[in-house]
């Protein structure tokens, strides 16, 4: 899926994350900031990249500010931001592409 325009999903509240997606420059560029980076940084990065892969996103700039979100929340925020960037509003395949 192509990233058509910048889009945001999530909040900066505790146990949540804010995901911003923007059109990229040929690859997936991930900028991650997390309150729990030392403990869970590798896992958070893995969840984000796997979610983008399952959505067939290959060209995007993704910025994530994590405040201790669970994996399921991170997946949902990434998925939502990607769909918002493409103005997908009808027949949303929530959870269909994400396993």
C-alpha atoms as a PDB file:
ATOM      1  CA  UNK A   1       0.000   0.000   0.000  1.00  0.00           C
ATOM      2  CA  UNK A   2       1.311   3.399  -0.914  1.00  0.00           C
ATOM      3  CA  UNK A   3       1.455   6.270   1.580  1.00  0.00           C
ATOM      4  CA  UNK A   4      -0.403   9.057  -0.227  1.00  0.00           C
ATOM      5  CA  UNK A   5      -0.200  11.815   2.362  1.00  0.00           C
ATOM      6  CA  UNK A   6       0.873  12.404   5.953  1.00  0.00           C
ATOM      7  CA  UNK A   7      -1.404  10.877   8.574  1.00  0.00           C
ATOM      8  CA  UNK A   8      -1.368  10.407  12.352  1.00  0.00           C
ATOM      9  CA  UNK A   9      -2.941   7.882  14.708  1.00  0.00           C
ATOM     10  CA  UNK A  10      -2.739   7.603  18.479  1.00  0.00           C
ATOM     11  CA  UNK A  11      -1.978   9.888  21.395  1.00  0.00           C
ATOM     12  CA  UNK A  12       0.884  10.741  23.707  1.00  0.00           C
ATOM     13  CA  UNK A  13      -0.969   9.399  26.743  1.00  0.00           C
ATOM     14  CA  UNK A  14       0.529   6.713  28.937  1.00  0.00           C
ATOM     15  CA  UNK A  15       0.238   3.180  27.477  1.00  0.00           C
ATOM     16  CA  UNK A  16      -0.327   4.535  23.955  1.00  0.00           C
ATOM     17  CA  UNK A  17       1.795   5.643  21.021  1.00  0.00           C
ATOM     18  CA  UNK A  18       1.554   8.253  18.301  1.00  0.00           C
ATOM     19  CA  UNK A  19       2.307   7.023  14.802  1.00  0.00           C
ATOM     20  CA  UNK A  20       2.942   9.410  11.919  1.00  0.00           C
ATOM     21  CA  UNK A  21       3.323   8.147   8.356  1.00  0.00           C
ATOM     22  CA  UNK A  22       4.494  10.240   5.420  1.00  0.00           C
ATOM     23  CA  UNK A  23       5.462   9.485   1.829  1.00  0.00           C
ATOM     24  CA  UNK A  24       8.991   8.144   1.747  1.00  0.00           C
ATOM     25  CA  UNK A  25      12.026   8.415  -0.455  1.00  0.00           C
ATOM     26  CA  UNK A  26      12.223   4.841  -1.720  1.00  0.00           C
ATOM     27  CA  UNK A  27      12.470   2.802   1.476  1.00  0.00           C
ATOM     28  CA  UNK A  28      10.847   2.491   4.881  1.00  0.00           C
ATOM     29  CA  UNK A  29      12.532   4.918   7.246  1.00  0.00           C
ATOM     30  CA  UNK A  30      11.614   4.416  10.910  1.00  0.00           C
ATOM     31  CA  UNK A  31      12.238   6.971  13.640  1.00  0.00           C
ATOM     32  CA  UNK A  32      11.347   5.511  17.043  1.00  0.00           C
ATOM     33  CA  UNK A  33      11.264   7.257  20.401  1.00  0.00           C
ATOM     34  CA  UNK A  34      10.133   5.254  23.408  1.00  0.00           C
ATOM     35  CA  UNK A  35       9.913   5.636  27.160  1.00  0.00           C
ATOM     36  CA  UNK A  36      10.855   1.945  27.383  1.00  0.00           C
ATOM     37  CA  UNK A  37      13.477   1.829  24.616  1.00  0.00           C
ATOM     38  CA  UNK A  38      16.111  -0.026  26.637  1.00  0.00           C
ATOM     39  CA  UNK A  39      13.751  -2.795  27.697  1.00  0.00           C
ATOM     40  CA  UNK A  40      11.554  -3.191  24.606  1.00  0.00           C
ATOM     41  CA  UNK A  41      13.052  -1.153  21.750  1.00  0.00           C
ATOM     42  CA  UNK A  42      13.901  -4.174  19.575  1.00  0.00           C
ATOM     43  CA  UNK A  43      10.424  -5.669  20.009  1.00  0.00           C
ATOM     44  CA  UNK A  44       8.668  -2.365  19.280  1.00  0.00           C
ATOM     45  CA  UNK A  45      10.734  -1.874  16.113  1.00  0.00           C
ATOM     46  CA  UNK A  46       9.984  -5.468  15.052  1.00  0.00           C
ATOM     47  CA  UNK A  47       6.208  -5.028  15.560  1.00  0.00           C
ATOM     48  CA  UNK A  48       6.159  -1.777  13.560  1.00  0.00           C
ATOM     49  CA  UNK A  49       8.173  -3.168  10.641  1.00  0.00           C
ATOM     50  CA  UNK A  50       6.186  -6.438  10.520  1.00  0.00           C
ATOM     51  CA  UNK A  51       2.915  -4.494  10.493  1.00  0.00           C
ATOM     52  CA  UNK A  52       4.118  -2.280   7.638  1.00  0.00           C
ATOM     53  CA  UNK A  53       5.274  -5.362   5.738  1.00  0.00           C
ATOM     54  CA  UNK A  54       1.886  -7.061   6.125  1.00  0.00           C
ATOM     55  CA  UNK A  55       0.248  -3.899   4.785  1.00  0.00           C
ATOM     56  CA  UNK A  56       2.683  -3.926   1.818  1.00  0.00           C
ATOM     57  CA  UNK A  57       4.138  -0.537   2.743  1.00  0.00           C
ATOM     58  CA  UNK A  58       7.586  -0.306   1.161  1.00  0.00           C
ATOM     59  CA  UNK A  59       8.046   3.439   0.779  1.00  0.00           C
ATOM     60  CA  UNK A  60       7.343   5.566   3.864  1.00  0.00           C
ATOM     61  CA  UNK A  61       8.782   7.728   6.569  1.00  0.00           C
ATOM     62  CA  UNK A  62       7.350   6.489   9.859  1.00  0.00           C
ATOM     63  CA  UNK A  63       7.738   8.289  13.169  1.00  0.00           C
ATOM     64  CA  UNK A  64       6.599   6.596  16.369  1.00  0.00           C
ATOM     65  CA  UNK A  65       6.557   8.154  19.828  1.00  0.00           C
ATOM     66  CA  UNK A  66       5.809   5.333  22.258  1.00  0.00           C
ATOM     67  CA  UNK A  67       4.639   5.800  25.829  1.00  0.00           C
ATOM     68  CA  UNK A  68       4.586   2.132  26.838  1.00  0.00           C
ATOM     69  CA  UNK A  69       1.999   0.788  24.380  1.00  0.00           C
ATOM     70  CA  UNK A  70       1.341  -2.942  24.107  1.00  0.00           C
ATOM     71  CA  UNK A  71       2.081  -4.716  20.811  1.00  0.00           C
ATOM     72  CA  UNK A  72      -1.620  -4.851  19.884  1.00  0.00           C
ATOM     73  CA  UNK A  73      -1.905  -1.079  20.353  1.00  0.00           C
ATOM     74  CA  UNK A  74       1.174  -0.425  18.245  1.00  0.00           C
ATOM     75  CA  UNK A  75      -0.201  -2.617  15.438  1.00  0.00           C
ATOM     76  CA  UNK A  76      -3.569  -0.866  15.556  1.00  0.00           C
ATOM     77  CA  UNK A  77      -2.004   2.617  15.470  1.00  0.00           C
ATOM     78  CA  UNK A  78       0.266   1.756  12.526  1.00  0.00           C
ATOM     79  CA  UNK A  79      -2.630   0.194  10.640  1.00  0.00           C
ATOM     80  CA  UNK A  80      -4.882   3.190  11.319  1.00  0.00           C
ATOM     81  CA  UNK A  81      -2.263   5.726  10.210  1.00  0.00           C
ATOM     82  CA  UNK A  82      -1.648   3.848   6.953  1.00  0.00           C
ATOM     83  CA  UNK A  83      -5.373   3.639   6.188  1.00  0.00           C
ATOM     84  CA  UNK A  84      -5.859   7.325   7.029  1.00  0.00           C
ATOM     85  CA  UNK A  85      -3.024   8.274   4.693  1.00  0.00           C
ATOM     86  CA  UNK A  86      -4.970   6.646   1.865  1.00  0.00           C
ATOM     87  CA  UNK A  87      -8.417   7.952   2.878  1.00  0.00           C
ATOM     88  CA  UNK A  88      -9.672   4.389   3.366  1.00  0.00           C
ATOM     89  CA  UNK A  89     -13.022   4.863   5.095  1.00  0.00           C
ATOM     90  CA  UNK A  90     -15.350   2.182   3.781  1.00  0.00           C
ATOM     91  CA  UNK A  91     -14.991  -1.560   4.155  1.00  0.00           C
ATOM     92  CA  UNK A  92     -11.991  -1.258   6.429  1.00  0.00           C
ATOM     93  CA  UNK A  93     -10.154  -4.579   6.673  1.00  0.00           C
ATOM     94  CA  UNK A  94      -9.352  -4.032  10.382  1.00  0.00           C
ATOM     95  CA  UNK A  95      -7.231  -6.839  11.594  1.00  0.00           C
ATOM     96  CA  UNK A  96      -7.492  -8.629   8.275  1.00  0.00           C
ATOM     97  CA  UNK A  97      -3.974  -7.835   7.137  1.00  0.00           C
ATOM     98  CA  UNK A  98      -2.561  -7.837  10.638  1.00  0.00           C
ATOM     99  CA  UNK A  99      -2.105 -11.136  12.418  1.00  0.00           C
END
